[in-house]
C-alpha atoms as a PDB file:
ATOM      1  CA  MET A   1     -91.830 -22.787-218.687  1.00  0.00           C
ATOM      2  CA  ASN A   2     -91.885 -25.907-220.834  1.00  0.00           C
ATOM      3  CA  ALA A   3     -92.609 -26.130-224.571  1.00  0.00           C
ATOM      4  CA  LEU A   4     -96.216 -27.288-224.116  1.00  0.00           C
ATOM      5  CA  VAL A   5     -97.056 -24.328-221.871  1.00  0.00           C
ATOM      6  CA  GLN A   6     -95.414 -21.933-224.331  1.00  0.00           C
ATOM      7  CA  GLU A   7     -97.426 -23.480-227.173  1.00  0.00           C
ATOM      8  CA  ILE A   8    -100.678 -23.123-225.219  1.00  0.00           C
ATOM      9  CA  LEU A   9     -99.919 -19.485-224.400  1.00  0.00           C
ATOM     10  CA  SER A  10     -98.975 -18.748-227.992  1.00  0.00           C
ATOM     11  CA  GLY A  11    -102.280 -20.227-229.138  1.00  0.00           C
ATOM     12  CA  PHE A  12    -104.110 -18.183-226.519  1.00  0.00           C
ATOM     13  CA  ASP A  13    -102.389 -14.990-227.705  1.00  0.00           C
ATOM     14  CA  SER A  14    -103.500 -15.661-231.276  1.00  0.00           C
ATOM     15  CA  LEU A  15    -107.190 -15.862-230.318  1.00  0.00           C
ATOM     16  CA  PRO A  16    -109.571 -12.922-230.754  1.00  0.00           C
ATOM     17  CA  ASP A  17    -110.292 -11.004-227.552  1.00  0.00           C
ATOM     18  CA  SER A  18    -113.731 -12.552-227.089  1.00  0.00           C
ATOM     19  CA  GLU A  19    -112.299 -16.075-227.227  1.00  0.00           C
ATOM     20  CA  GLN A  20    -109.421 -15.137-224.915  1.00  0.00           C
ATOM     21  CA  ILE A  21    -112.029 -14.104-222.355  1.00  0.00           C
ATOM     22  CA  GLU A  22    -113.857 -17.415-222.742  1.00  0.00           C
ATOM     23  CA  VAL A  23    -110.635 -19.382-222.248  1.00  0.00           C
ATOM     24  CA  ALA A  24    -109.597 -17.259-219.260  1.00  0.00           C
ATOM     25  CA  VAL A  25    -112.972 -17.796-217.581  1.00  0.00           C
ATOM     26  CA  GLU A  26    -112.729 -21.561-218.058  1.00  0.00           C
ATOM     27  CA  ILE A  27    -109.178 -21.650-216.670  1.00  0.00           C
ATOM     28  CA  LEU A  28    -110.194 -19.571-213.664  1.00  0.00           C
ATOM     29  CA  LYS A  29    -113.075 -21.949-212.978  1.00  0.00           C
ATOM     30  CA  ARG A  30    -110.597 -24.823-212.888  1.00  0.00           C
ATOM     31  CA  VAL A  31    -107.961 -23.190-210.681  1.00  0.00           C
ATOM     32  CA  VAL A  32    -110.227 -21.511-208.140  1.00  0.00           C
ATOM     33  CA  ASN A  33    -110.030 -24.540-205.842  1.00  0.00           C
ATOM     34  CA  VAL A  34    -106.354 -25.370-206.369  1.00  0.00           C
ATOM     35  CA  ASP A  35    -104.405 -25.292-203.116  1.00  0.00           C
ATOM     36  CA  PHE A  36    -101.445 -23.112-204.069  1.00  0.00           C
ATOM     37  CA  PRO A  37     -98.561 -22.846-201.608  1.00  0.00           C
ATOM     38  CA  PRO A  38     -98.161 -19.400-200.051  1.00  0.00           C
ATOM     39  CA  LEU A  39     -95.822 -17.019-201.837  1.00  0.00           C
ATOM     40  CA  THR A  40     -92.713 -15.884-200.038  1.00  0.00           C
ATOM     41  CA  ASN A  41     -91.689 -12.243-199.951  1.00  0.00           C
ATOM     42  CA  GLN A  42     -88.934 -13.112-202.427  1.00  0.00           C
ATOM     43  CA  ASP A  43     -91.475 -14.719-204.776  1.00  0.00           C
ATOM     44  CA  LEU A  44     -93.661 -11.622-204.605  1.00  0.00           C
ATOM     45  CA  ALA A  45     -90.699  -9.299-205.197  1.00  0.00           C
ATOM     46  CA  LEU A  46     -89.521 -11.302-208.229  1.00  0.00           C
ATOM     47  CA  LYS A  47     -92.998 -11.463-209.765  1.00  0.00           C
ATOM     48  CA  SER A  48     -93.532  -7.757-209.116  1.00  0.00           C
ATOM     49  CA  GLU A  49     -90.251  -6.954-210.830  1.00  0.00           C
ATOM     50  CA  GLU A  50     -91.194  -9.129-213.825  1.00  0.00           C
ATOM     51  CA  LEU A  51     -94.562  -7.382-214.075  1.00  0.00           C
ATOM     52  CA  PHE A  52     -93.110  -3.866-213.858  1.00  0.00           C
ATOM     53  CA  LEU A  53     -90.428  -4.692-216.443  1.00  0.00           C
ATOM     54  CA  ALA A  54     -93.077  -6.095-218.792  1.00  0.00           C
ATOM     55  CA  LEU A  55     -95.224  -2.985-218.334  1.00  0.00           C
ATOM     56  CA  ASP A  56     -92.204  -0.724-218.953  1.00  0.00           C
ATOM     57  CA  HIS A  57     -91.448  -2.652-222.137  1.00  0.00           C
ATOM     58  CA  GLN A  58     -95.077  -2.440-223.255  1.00  0.00           C
ATOM     59  CA  GLU A  59     -95.169   1.288-222.579  1.00  0.00           C
ATOM     60  CA  ALA A  60     -91.918   1.836-224.498  1.00  0.00           C
ATOM     61  CA  GLU A  61     -93.264  -0.160-227.459  1.00  0.00           C
ATOM     62  CA  TYR A  62     -96.461   1.885-227.406  1.00  0.00           C
ATOM     63  CA  GLU A  63     -94.526   5.150-227.321  1.00  0.00           C
ATOM     64  CA  ARG A  64     -92.292   4.009-230.205  1.00  0.00           C
ATOM     65  CA  SER A  65     -95.296   3.045-232.325  1.00  0.00           C
ATOM     66  CA  TYR A  66     -97.190   6.213-231.397  1.00  0.00           C
ATOM     67  CA  THR A  67     -94.310   8.598-232.061  1.00  0.00           C
ATOM     68  CA  GLY A  68     -92.839   6.633-234.963  1.00  0.00           C
ATOM     69  CA  ILE A  69     -89.393   6.445-233.349  1.00  0.00           C
END
């Protein structure tokens, strides 16, 4: 991910929820007709692993903040 993409995502993350939804809707409108190449099984496995690791991290952070550990 390049610096510009990271900056855009950081700006997105700093928006209130209602504005994040507006931005997401506009992005989805723009990408709905993009011809993405098909994902390979390896691509799917790697993205799935990234997602599960992120969710595990999020859950651990939530538990730490909830329990005060």
